[in-house]
Protein backbone atom coordinates (compact mmCIF):
# COMPACT_ATOMS: atom_id res chain seq x y z
CA UNK A 1 -0.04 -0.05 -0.47
CA UNK A 2 1.12 3.51 -0.42
CA UNK A 3 1.36 6.13 1.87
CA UNK A 4 -0.17 6.18 5.32
CA UNK A 5 -4.24 5.10 5.20
CA UNK A 6 -4.58 5.39 8.78
CA UNK A 7 -6.79 3.35 11.21
CA UNK A 8 -10.09 2.00 9.47
CA UNK A 9 -12.88 -0.09 10.19
CA UNK A 10 -12.04 -2.83 8.11
CA UNK A 11 -8.66 -2.65 9.63
CA UNK A 12 -9.73 -2.75 13.09
CA UNK A 13 -11.96 -5.64 12.42
CA UNK A 14 -8.62 -7.44 10.72
CA UNK A 15 -6.88 -6.81 14.03
CA UNK A 16 -9.74 -8.12 16.19
CA UNK A 17 -9.27 -11.38 13.75
CA UNK A 18 -5.83 -10.99 13.90
CA UNK A 19 -6.07 -11.67 17.66
CA UNK A 20 -9.33 -13.91 18.31
CA UNK A 21 -9.62 -16.00 15.31
CA UNK A 22 -10.71 -19.07 16.90
CA UNK A 23 -12.60 -17.45 19.38
CA UNK A 24 -16.76 -17.13 18.88
CA UNK A 25 -17.52 -14.25 17.42
CA UNK A 26 -21.37 -14.46 17.42
CA UNK A 27 -24.14 -16.33 18.23
CA UNK A 28 -27.87 -16.32 16.75
CA UNK A 29 -29.83 -19.70 17.77
CA UNK A 30 -28.16 -22.31 16.78
CA UNK A 31 -25.86 -20.89 14.65
CA UNK A 32 -22.43 -19.86 15.67
CA UNK A 33 -19.85 -17.81 14.02
CA UNK A 34 -15.88 -17.80 14.62
CA UNK A 35 -14.01 -15.20 14.15
CA UNK A 36 -11.95 -16.39 11.29
CA UNK A 37 -15.21 -17.35 9.73
CA UNK A 38 -16.26 -13.81 10.16
CA UNK A 39 -13.27 -12.57 8.18
CA UNK A 40 -14.07 -15.03 5.71
CA UNK A 41 -17.54 -13.66 5.00
CA UNK A 42 -16.90 -10.14 5.09
CA UNK A 43 -13.84 -10.69 2.43
CA UNK A 44 -15.74 -13.15 0.10
CA UNK A 45 -18.83 -10.50 0.30
CA UNK A 46 -16.42 -7.44 -0.45
CA UNK A 47 -15.37 -9.58 -3.25
CA UNK A 48 -18.59 -10.67 -4.55
CA UNK A 49 -19.66 -6.86 -4.78
CA UNK A 50 -16.79 -5.71 -6.66
CA UNK A 51 -17.30 -8.48 -9.17
CA UNK A 52 -20.69 -7.29 -9.97
CA UNK A 53 -19.02 -4.12 -11.09
CA UNK A 54 -19.15 -2.00 -7.71
CA UNK A 55 -16.06 0.09 -7.13
CA UNK A 56 -14.77 1.93 -4.07
CA UNK A 57 -17.13 4.78 -2.95
CA UNK A 58 -20.52 3.06 -4.10
CA UNK A 59 -23.38 2.99 -1.50
CA UNK A 60 -24.83 -0.18 -0.65
CA UNK A 61 -28.49 -0.21 0.79
CA UNK A 62 -28.76 -3.04 3.68
CA UNK A 63 -32.49 -4.15 5.16
CA UNK A 64 -32.06 -6.43 7.99
CA UNK A 65 -33.11 -7.46 11.31
CA UNK A 66 -30.93 -8.58 13.99
CA UNK A 67 -28.76 -11.07 12.42
CA UNK A 68 -24.76 -12.52 11.80
CA UNK A 69 -25.06 -11.01 8.76
CA UNK A 70 -25.62 -7.40 10.08
CA UNK A 71 -21.68 -7.83 11.37
CA UNK A 72 -20.45 -9.27 7.89
CA UNK A 73 -22.08 -6.20 5.87
CA UNK A 74 -20.26 -3.82 8.39
CA UNK A 75 -17.26 -5.37 8.08
CA UNK A 76 -17.23 -6.39 4.43
CA UNK A 77 -18.51 -3.26 2.75
CA UNK A 78 -15.91 -1.31 5.32
CA UNK A 79 -13.17 -3.07 3.80
CA UNK A 80 -13.90 -3.06 -0.08
CA UNK A 81 -14.56 0.96 0.59
CA UNK A 82 -18.38 1.06 0.16
CA UNK A 83 -20.79 2.84 1.76
CA UNK A 84 -23.10 1.29 3.83
CA UNK A 85 -26.65 3.25 3.55
CA UNK A 86 -28.84 1.41 6.60
CA UNK A 87 -32.68 1.07 5.83
CA UNK A 88 -34.85 0.92 9.10
CA UNK A 89 -36.82 -2.09 9.13
CA UNK A 90 -38.19 -1.31 12.63
CA UNK A 91 -39.81 2.20 11.52
CA UNK A 92 -40.01 2.94 8.23
CA UNK A 93 -42.52 2.08 5.47
CA UNK A 94 -41.32 1.13 1.85
CA UNK A 95 -41.39 4.91 0.20
CA UNK A 96 -39.49 6.08 3.02
CA UNK A 97 -36.78 3.32 2.21
CA UNK A 98 -37.45 4.11 -1.32
CA UNK A 99 -36.31 7.78 -0.70
CA UNK A 100 -33.34 7.05 0.98
CA UNK A 101 -31.91 4.42 -1.42
CA UNK A 102 -32.68 7.02 -3.83
CA UNK A 103 -31.15 9.99 -2.12
CA UNK A 104 -27.71 8.46 -1.42
CA UNK A 105 -27.77 6.55 -4.98
CA UNK A 106 -27.49 3.37 -3.84
CA UNK A 107 -25.92 0.70 -6.60
CA UNK A 108 -26.89 -2.31 -4.51
CA UNK A 109 -29.36 -3.32 -2.05
CA UNK A 110 -28.86 -6.24 0.09
CA UNK A 111 -32.01 -7.43 2.46
CA UNK A 112 -33.44 -10.32 4.23
CA UNK A 113 -35.58 -12.67 2.68
CA UNK A 114 -38.56 -11.33 5.45
CA UNK A 115 -38.24 -8.04 3.69
CA UNK A 116 -38.94 -9.73 0.20
CA UNK A 117 -42.18 -8.22 -0.32
CA UNK A 118 -41.41 -4.67 1.03
CA UNK A 119 -38.64 -4.68 -1.50
CA UNK A 120 -40.85 -5.71 -4.28
CA UNK A 121 -43.12 -2.87 -3.35
CA UNK A 122 -40.01 -0.52 -3.41
CA UNK A 123 -38.37 -1.75 -6.97
CA UNK A 124 -40.78 0.37 -9.04
CA UNK A 125 -39.21 3.25 -7.08
CA UNK A 126 -35.94 2.76 -7.35
CA UNK A 127 -33.77 4.91 -9.56
CA UNK A 128 -30.17 3.31 -9.24
CA UNK A 129 -30.02 0.11 -7.57
CA UNK A 130 -28.74 -2.20 -10.15
CA UNK A 131 -28.57 -4.89 -7.66
CA UNK A 132 -30.88 -7.09 -5.26
CA UNK A 133 -29.26 -9.68 -3.13
CA UNK A 134 -31.17 -11.64 -1.04
CA UNK A 135 -30.14 -13.01 2.45
CA UNK A 136 -31.79 -16.41 2.56
CA UNK A 137 -33.91 -17.28 5.51
CA UNK A 138 -35.07 -21.03 6.41
CA UNK A 139 -34.52 -21.81 2.82
CA UNK A 140 -36.84 -18.82 1.36
CA UNK A 141 -35.26 -16.43 -0.92
CA UNK A 142 -36.47 -13.57 -3.41
CA UNK A 143 -37.10 -14.26 -6.96
CA UNK A 144 -35.35 -11.65 -9.18
CA UNK A 145 -32.37 -11.14 -6.47
CA UNK A 146 -28.80 -13.02 -6.44
CA UNK A 147 -28.49 -15.27 -3.68
CA UNK A 148 -26.44 -14.13 -0.98
CA UNK A 149 -25.08 -17.05 0.16
CA UNK A 150 -24.25 -18.10 -3.50
CA UNK A 151 -22.48 -15.01 -4.29
CA UNK A 152 -20.05 -15.34 -1.11
CA UNK A 153 -19.50 -19.25 -1.34
CA UNK A 154 -18.17 -18.09 -5.17
CA UNK A 155 -15.58 -15.63 -4.45
CA UNK A 156 -12.18 -16.04 -2.67
CA UNK A 157 -11.82 -14.86 1.16
CA UNK A 158 -8.61 -12.89 0.49
CA UNK A 159 -8.65 -9.30 1.08
CA UNK A 160 -10.82 -7.22 -1.56
CA UNK A 161 -8.06 -5.67 -3.93
CA UNK A 162 -9.19 -1.69 -2.53
CA UNK A 163 -7.01 0.58 -0.73
CA UNK A 164 -9.34 2.27 1.71
CA UNK A 165 -8.20 5.71 3.68
CA UNK A 166 -9.14 6.86 6.93
CA UNK A 167 -11.16 9.84 5.34
CA UNK A 168 -13.43 7.28 2.69
CA UNK A 169 -17.05 7.79 3.39
CA UNK A 170 -18.23 4.35 4.64
CA UNK A 171 -21.52 4.76 6.47
CA UNK A 172 -24.63 7.12 5.16
CA UNK A 173 -27.09 7.11 7.81
CA UNK A 174 -30.14 8.84 7.68
CA UNK A 175 -31.80 10.76 10.32
CA UNK A 176 -35.40 12.22 10.00
CA UNK A 177 -35.53 15.94 8.89
CA UNK A 178 -37.93 18.71 10.61
CA UNK A 179 -39.36 19.68 7.15
CA UNK A 180 -40.04 15.56 6.86
CA UNK A 181 -37.44 14.97 4.81
CA UNK A 182 -34.37 12.10 5.91
CA UNK A 183 -31.23 13.70 5.64
CA UNK A 184 -28.13 11.60 5.27
CA UNK A 185 -24.98 11.59 7.65
CA UNK A 186 -21.94 11.21 5.73
CA UNK A 187 -19.72 9.26 8.51
CA UNK A 188 -15.92 8.79 7.65
CA UNK A 189 -13.85 5.40 8.59
CA UNK A 190 -11.74 7.98 10.71
CA UNK A 191 -15.12 9.30 12.47
CA UNK A 192 -16.54 5.76 13.22
CA UNK A 193 -12.88 4.74 14.51
CA UNK A 194 -13.24 7.26 16.79
CA UNK A 195 -16.72 5.97 18.25
CA UNK A 196 -15.40 2.87 18.49
CA UNK A 197 -12.40 3.42 20.55
CA UNK A 198 -14.17 5.91 22.74
CA UNK A 199 -16.77 3.55 23.78
CA UNK A 200 -13.68 1.11 24.57
CA UNK A 201 -12.45 4.23 26.68
CA UNK A 202 -15.54 4.92 28.63
CA UNK A 203 -17.75 1.61 28.69
CA UNK A 204 -15.18 -0.43 29.64
CA UNK A 205 -15.98 -3.61 28.17
CA UNK A 206 -13.88 -6.29 29.30
CA UNK A 207 -12.00 -9.16 27.87
CA UNK A 208 -14.31 -12.40 26.46
CA UNK A 209 -17.09 -10.14 26.80
CA UNK A 210 -20.74 -11.80 26.00
CA UNK A 211 -22.61 -8.87 24.33
CA UNK A 212 -26.47 -9.31 23.86
CA UNK A 213 -27.93 -7.31 20.88
CA UNK A 214 -31.66 -6.98 21.51
CA UNK A 215 -32.03 -3.37 20.32
CA UNK A 216 -31.85 -2.95 16.41
CA UNK A 217 -28.52 -3.76 15.04
CA UNK A 218 -29.84 -1.19 12.29
CA UNK A 219 -30.10 1.62 15.17
CA UNK A 220 -28.20 2.21 18.45
CA UNK A 221 -26.76 -0.95 19.31
CA UNK A 222 -24.70 -1.12 15.54
CA UNK A 223 -22.48 1.16 17.53
CA UNK A 224 -21.41 -1.75 19.74
CA UNK A 225 -20.57 -4.34 16.91
CA UNK A 226 -16.70 -3.46 16.72
CA UNK A 227 -15.93 -2.72 20.15
CA UNK A 228 -17.20 -5.92 21.58
CA UNK A 229 -14.94 -7.75 18.83
CA UNK A 230 -11.68 -5.71 19.72
CA UNK A 231 -11.99 -6.89 22.94
CA UNK A 232 -12.55 -10.59 21.64
CA UNK A 233 -16.09 -10.78 22.90
CA UNK A 234 -18.89 -13.13 21.69
CA UNK A 235 -22.05 -11.51 20.51
CA UNK A 236 -25.64 -12.65 21.39
CA UNK A 237 -28.09 -11.70 18.71
CA UNK A 238 -31.86 -11.71 19.26
CA UNK A 239 -34.26 -10.43 16.62
CA UNK A 240 -37.25 -9.99 18.97
CA UNK A 241 -37.75 -9.07 22.21
CA UNK A 242 -39.89 -10.10 25.32
CA UNK A 243 -38.48 -9.96 29.05
CA UNK A 244 -38.68 -13.96 29.08
CA UNK A 245 -36.47 -14.08 25.85
CA UNK A 246 -34.24 -11.56 27.24
CA UNK A 247 -33.90 -12.78 30.96
CA UNK A 248 -33.42 -16.45 29.39
CA UNK A 249 -30.93 -15.59 27.09
CA UNK A 250 -28.96 -14.00 29.79
CA UNK A 251 -29.39 -16.69 32.12
CA UNK A 252 -28.43 -19.37 29.43
CA UNK A 253 -25.31 -17.81 27.74
CA UNK A 254 -23.84 -16.05 30.81
CA UNK A 255 -24.38 -12.47 29.15
CA UNK A 256 -21.95 -9.69 30.61
CA UNK A 257 -23.20 -6.94 28.61
CA UNK A 258 -26.02 -5.21 26.63
CA UNK A 259 -27.56 -2.08 25.29
CA UNK A 260 -31.14 -1.15 25.46
CA UNK A 261 -33.19 1.57 25.36
CA UNK A 262 -35.21 2.53 28.38
CA UNK A 263 -38.73 1.03 26.59
CA UNK A 264 -37.14 -2.42 26.66
CA UNK A 265 -35.73 -1.68 30.74
CA UNK A 266 -39.23 -0.72 31.59
CA UNK A 267 -40.90 -3.55 30.34
CA UNK A 268 -38.05 -5.86 32.04
CA UNK A 269 -38.64 -4.09 35.27
CA UNK A 270 -42.62 -4.56 35.16
CA UNK A 271 -41.99 -8.26 34.17
CA UNK A 272 -43.34 -10.15 37.26
CA UNK A 273 -41.30 -13.27 37.16
CA UNK A 274 -37.52 -10.89 36.95
CA UNK A 275 -36.45 -12.25 40.03
CA UNK A 276 -37.18 -16.10 38.42
CA UNK A 277 -33.75 -15.70 36.55
CA UNK A 278 -30.08 -15.48 37.09
CA UNK A 279 -28.41 -12.34 36.14
CA UNK A 280 -25.48 -12.29 37.75
CA UNK A 281 -23.28 -12.66 35.14
CA UNK A 282 -24.57 -9.09 34.06
CA UNK A 283 -22.10 -6.50 35.07
CA UNK A 284 -22.60 -3.91 32.05
CA UNK A 285 -26.00 -2.45 30.62
CA UNK A 286 -25.67 0.63 28.41
CA UNK A 287 -28.41 2.91 27.75
CA UNK A 288 -29.08 5.69 25.87
CA UNK A 289 -31.48 6.82 22.42
CA UNK A 290 -34.10 8.58 24.56
CA UNK A 291 -34.31 10.25 28.28
CA UNK A 292 -34.86 7.97 31.08
CA UNK A 293 -37.16 8.63 33.80
CA UNK A 294 -34.99 9.03 37.01
CA UNK A 295 -37.65 6.91 39.44
CA UNK A 296 -37.63 3.94 36.84
CA UNK A 297 -33.79 4.26 37.06
CA UNK A 298 -33.73 3.83 40.63
CA UNK A 299 -35.73 0.53 40.36
CA UNK A 300 -33.29 -0.68 37.54
CA UNK A 301 -30.44 -0.16 39.88
CA UNK A 302 -32.29 -1.61 42.88
CA UNK A 303 -32.98 -4.46 40.67
CA UNK A 304 -29.66 -5.18 38.72
CA UNK A 305 -27.05 -3.40 40.89
CA UNK A 306 -24.64 -0.75 39.63
CA UNK A 307 -24.33 -1.59 36.42
CA UNK A 308 -25.91 1.16 34.62
CA UNK A 309 -23.81 3.37 31.90
CA UNK A 310 -26.12 6.06 30.22
CA UNK A 311 -24.87 7.74 26.56
CA UNK A 312 -25.90 10.40 24.77
CA UNK A 313 -25.21 10.94 21.34
CA UNK A 314 -27.20 11.32 17.99
CA UNK A 315 -26.89 10.24 14.09
CA UNK A 316 -24.89 13.07 13.32
CA UNK A 317 -22.49 12.03 16.35
CA UNK A 318 -23.02 8.79 17.59
CA UNK A 319 -23.84 7.86 21.01
CA UNK A 320 -20.72 8.97 22.66
CA UNK A 321 -20.93 12.49 23.54
CA UNK A 322 -21.53 12.42 27.17
CA UNK A 323 -21.61 9.00 29.41
CA UNK A 324 -22.68 8.89 33.01
CA UNK A 325 -20.85 6.04 33.79
CA UNK A 326 -21.36 3.01 36.60
CA UNK A 327 -19.73 4.87 39.68
CA UNK A 328 -22.10 8.05 38.93
CA UNK A 329 -25.15 6.17 39.42
CA UNK A 330 -24.14 5.53 42.80
CA UNK A 331 -25.17 8.60 44.43
CA UNK A 332 -25.16 9.98 47.66
CA UNK A 333 -27.93 11.30 49.65
CA UNK A 334 -28.65 14.53 48.37
CA UNK A 335 -27.31 13.71 44.67
CA UNK A 336 -30.35 11.67 43.72
CA UNK A 337 -30.97 14.46 40.99
CA UNK A 338 -27.59 13.17 39.38
CA UNK A 339 -29.75 10.21 37.79
CA UNK A 340 -31.49 13.07 35.71
CA UNK A 341 -28.21 13.87 33.81
CA UNK A 342 -26.45 12.65 30.62
CA UNK A 343 -23.24 12.48 32.53
CA UNK A 344 -19.99 14.57 30.73
CA UNK A 345 -18.39 15.06 27.90
CA UNK A 346 -16.16 11.75 26.83
CA UNK A 347 -13.14 11.55 25.64
CA UNK A 348 -12.18 14.26 22.97
CA UNK A 349 -15.51 15.72 23.01
CA UNK A 350 -16.11 19.29 23.53
CA UNK A 351 -19.34 20.69 24.79
CA UNK A 352 -20.86 23.83 25.22
CA UNK A 353 -24.27 25.60 26.38
CA UNK A 354 -24.67 28.41 23.85
CA UNK A 355 -27.89 30.96 23.05
CA UNK A 356 -29.50 31.83 19.82
CA UNK A 357 -26.45 34.23 19.07
CA UNK A 358 -24.03 31.26 19.71
CA UNK A 359 -22.73 32.83 23.15
CA UNK A 360 -21.80 30.76 26.07
CA UNK A 361 -24.18 30.56 28.61
CA UNK A 362 -23.39 30.75 32.39
CA UNK A 363 -23.15 27.97 34.38
CA UNK A 364 -25.99 26.29 35.16
CA UNK A 365 -27.87 28.48 32.58
CA UNK A 366 -29.88 27.30 30.13
CA UNK A 367 -28.50 26.40 26.20
CA UNK A 368 -28.26 24.44 23.15
CA UNK A 369 -25.70 21.53 23.80
CA UNK A 370 -23.28 22.03 20.85
CA UNK A 371 -20.03 19.89 20.46
CA UNK A 372 -17.16 19.62 18.68
CA UNK A 373 -15.80 15.74 18.61
CA UNK A 374 -13.62 13.58 15.85
CA UNK A 375 -16.89 11.40 15.94
CA UNK A 376 -18.57 13.97 14.09
CA UNK A 377 -19.99 13.56 10.81
CA UNK A 378 -18.55 15.30 7.64
CA UNK A 379 -22.01 16.99 6.84
CA UNK A 380 -25.59 15.97 5.43
CA UNK A 381 -25.51 14.49 1.70
CA UNK A 382 -26.88 16.97 -0.58
CA UNK A 383 -27.85 19.60 1.70
CA UNK A 384 -25.32 21.93 2.12
CA UNK A 385 -27.39 24.63 3.62
CA UNK A 386 -28.42 22.17 6.30
CA UNK A 387 -25.09 20.96 7.13
CA UNK A 388 -23.51 24.90 7.09
CA UNK A 389 -26.73 25.23 9.85
CA UNK A 390 -25.99 22.38 11.79
CA UNK A 391 -22.33 22.60 11.80
CA UNK A 392 -21.89 26.15 12.84
CA UNK A 393 -18.85 27.52 13.16
CA UNK A 394 -17.21 24.10 13.33
CA UNK A 395 -19.64 22.95 16.42
CA UNK A 396 -22.71 20.29 15.78
CA UNK A 397 -25.53 22.40 17.07
CA UNK A 398 -27.67 19.28 18.69
CA UNK A 399 -31.05 20.93 19.03
CA UNK A 400 -31.04 19.68 22.75
CA UNK A 401 -31.44 22.45 25.58
CA UNK A 402 -29.51 21.26 28.52
CA UNK A 403 -27.97 23.07 31.54
CA UNK A 404 -24.30 21.92 33.32
CA UNK A 405 -24.18 22.48 36.99
CA UNK A 406 -21.21 23.10 38.94
CA UNK A 407 -19.92 19.23 39.08
CA UNK A 408 -19.90 19.84 35.11
CA UNK A 409 -23.07 17.13 34.85
CA UNK A 410 -24.76 17.52 31.65
CA UNK A 411 -28.80 17.88 31.99
CA UNK A 412 -30.84 17.46 28.75
CA UNK A 413 -34.08 19.80 29.51
CA UNK A 414 -36.05 20.16 26.24
CA UNK A 415 -35.53 19.87 22.66
CA UNK A 416 -35.13 23.34 20.55
CA UNK A 417 -36.51 21.25 17.74
CA UNK A 418 -39.63 19.39 17.65
CA UNK A 419 -38.39 15.84 17.37
CA UNK A 420 -40.15 13.52 19.94
CA UNK A 421 -38.13 10.33 21.22
CA UNK A 422 -40.47 7.31 21.59
CA UNK A 423 -39.10 3.71 22.55
CA UNK A 424 -35.49 5.29 21.18
CA UNK A 425 -36.83 5.99 17.95
CA UNK A 426 -36.90 9.83 16.25
CA UNK A 427 -40.19 10.96 15.16
CA UNK A 428 -40.66 14.50 13.33
CA UNK A 429 -43.96 16.28 14.01
CA UNK A 430 -44.09 17.56 10.52
CA UNK A 431 -44.01 14.24 8.93
CA UNK A 432 -46.95 13.13 10.84
CA UNK A 433 -48.33 16.54 10.88
CA UNK A 434 -48.09 16.15 6.90
CA UNK A 435 -49.96 12.72 7.07
CA UNK A 436 -52.78 14.13 9.23
CA UNK A 437 -53.14 17.00 6.75
CA UNK A 438 -53.87 14.30 4.06
CA UNK A 439 -56.95 13.35 5.76
CA UNK A 440 -60.40 14.98 4.50
CA UNK A 441 -61.58 15.66 7.36
CA UNK A 442 -58.68 17.56 9.05
CA UNK A 443 -58.68 21.25 9.16
CA UNK A 444 -55.40 21.85 11.03
CA UNK A 445 -52.58 19.56 13.17
CA UNK A 446 -50.34 19.45 15.66
CA UNK A 447 -47.81 16.82 16.87
CA UNK A 448 -45.89 16.83 20.36
CA UNK A 449 -44.74 14.55 22.29
CA UNK A 450 -46.15 13.69 25.76
CA UNK A 451 -45.28 11.83 28.57
CA UNK A 452 -45.45 7.78 28.61
CA UNK A 453 -44.80 5.61 31.66
CA UNK A 454 -43.22 2.64 28.70
CA UNK A 455 -42.30 4.87 25.85
CA UNK A 456 -40.78 7.82 27.28
CA UNK A 457 -43.06 9.96 25.13
CA UNK A 458 -45.99 8.96 22.82
CA UNK A 459 -46.88 10.83 19.64
CA UNK A 460 -50.21 12.94 20.38
CA UNK A 461 -51.94 14.74 17.81
CA UNK A 462 -53.60 17.80 18.28
CA UNK A 463 -56.60 17.99 15.59
CA UNK A 464 -58.98 20.75 14.50
CA UNK A 465 -61.71 19.06 12.33
CA UNK A 466 -62.97 20.93 9.30
CA UNK A 467 -66.43 22.63 9.75
CA UNK A 468 -69.49 19.52 9.33
CA UNK A 469 -66.76 16.70 9.25
CA UNK A 470 -66.13 14.05 11.74
CA UNK A 471 -63.46 11.56 12.72
CA UNK A 472 -62.74 9.51 15.55
CA UNK A 473 -59.25 9.05 17.16
CA UNK A 474 -59.10 5.29 16.04
CA UNK A 475 -60.03 6.45 12.15
CA UNK A 476 -56.85 9.09 12.48
CA UNK A 477 -54.33 6.98 13.98
CA UNK A 478 -55.43 3.92 11.51
CA UNK A 479 -55.58 7.04 8.91
CA UNK A 480 -51.72 7.40 9.83
CA UNK A 481 -50.13 4.13 10.60
CA UNK A 482 -51.77 2.66 7.13
CA UNK A 483 -49.34 5.30 5.63
CA UNK A 484 -46.43 5.83 8.01
CA UNK A 485 -46.39 2.70 9.84
CA UNK A 486 -47.05 2.44 13.60
CA UNK A 487 -43.61 4.14 14.66
CA UNK A 488 -44.84 7.24 12.91
CA UNK A 489 -48.27 7.20 13.83
CA UNK A 490 -50.16 8.99 16.85
CA UNK A 491 -50.75 6.92 19.83
CA UNK A 492 -53.44 9.41 21.11
CA UNK A 493 -55.56 12.36 19.64
CA UNK A 494 -57.38 15.65 20.95
CA UNK A 495 -60.05 17.45 18.95
CA UNK A 496 -59.80 21.10 19.63
CA UNK A 497 -61.34 24.07 18.41
CA UNK A 498 -58.32 26.24 17.99
CA UNK A 499 -54.31 25.07 18.11
CA UNK A 500 -52.47 28.24 20.19
CA UNK A 501 -50.54 30.67 18.05
CA UNK A 502 -47.22 32.14 18.19
CA UNK A 503 -47.30 36.09 17.78
CA UNK A 504 -45.97 35.22 14.12
CA UNK A 505 -48.83 32.89 13.30
CA UNK A 506 -47.08 29.38 14.03
CA UNK A 507 -47.96 26.64 16.36
CA UNK A 508 -47.17 27.70 19.59
CA UNK A 509 -45.77 24.15 20.65
CA UNK A 510 -43.99 25.01 23.82
CA UNK A 511 -47.93 26.43 25.25
CA UNK A 512 -49.17 23.15 23.74
CA UNK A 513 -46.91 20.85 25.43
CA UNK A 514 -47.48 22.53 29.20
CA UNK A 515 -50.70 21.33 29.04
CA UNK A 516 -49.85 17.70 29.02
CA UNK A 517 -45.98 18.25 31.08
CA UNK A 518 -47.29 20.25 33.54
CA UNK A 519 -44.91 21.30 35.94
CA UNK A 520 -42.59 18.45 35.53
CA UNK A 521 -38.85 19.92 35.28
CA UNK A 522 -37.88 18.25 32.56
CA UNK A 523 -39.81 18.50 29.49
CA UNK A 524 -38.46 15.09 28.08
CA UNK A 525 -38.57 11.85 29.76
């Protein structure tokens, strides 16, 4: 190789294989894969895609539930210098995924057989995808698509003949937009490498860690795949969740660590047979993706002990902007408020709280959280104006309003943008509002997040009906669910005569939220 290409995601995976070749890398059900086999599959994948005519820098859409192939895809695409575009199996409907594939100009789409119907529905809309590749499940595959397993078996397990630099874009993660249009966050290999090394520094994953993936590997749990490999750990994979299955798996596999969103944690805590299972092996429970209710966190600590680590980040700078470590969860009398904190800035992350003019606010003052960190995105794909606004003066403006106390702990108080976080998923009100406005009986609509004991927040629609028209709550919810899926549909609907407006005629979301959040100190859960 010529020149210094730096540490890349592919090289870190290779390092892990070099150290732990014969260890067990992943388990899903009865299926297992060693580190050596993982590298062979990843190399075969890279070579197979290059043989199809893809070249370094091309984009590949992936649509999978939690599976061993999630790790193979991450590894193999990175080694071939191909940018992975993760489509959302849990949140999006076909039109949303088609938009992401088209916006990123994906050349290929790799999907599990269970999504064959969705892919077939998407096909007429896809403008750039030339190659459809199906991962078989239970002997089932998809017509008109290449067979993933057959493709790989026909290729050598040698390194793909591509030089990948740390500056090459290898991931495009889509986040919703406040205009309702998703935005693709461009991440170079070096951005992701920093994320993973920060995870090792902040989380403290031990050697031979057994890590359970139950949250979507297409979402936040994805961040922990490579760090676990760097410790020679084994990744246990579930593609569905029930409290019973989660606890059974911890007991059976002697799981030592996992990542969950608060919604999952609440369901586990409410499971009547929680104490029936042996969870003594569990020493690290990472939680994030949405704020947690402090009272529920206290219950979790009582149930599992001081094993919790909170992480805060966003798609533009994944997961590790701040952490609240295990020791921070052990609070002395009078320090209980700390459990409402998202912690302190991580290694190499600079954090400011700024006003609307980008000036620093005083200690304990409220301001927008702005950060500067090596794991920040390069920008939004094809959106220079939004990039300039979000990365103003070189700082990522998160849209979260927070404060910092005398001890340096950061507290998220509200969101400057209107985003609702429900069960760890980001829901953008304008997208839901646009759907509501398609209903023939709706005159006006505003969407907000309201407190929910299980989901943290749930989506509420406040609707003004057209004169002489009628509609029920159930009808409105079904209308949205049929068009945008369950996550992006209201869970409740209130009918009002008028939505409060600001002085410039916009929906007064602050006043609207106040009706439901009352006098709670935090306006996020």
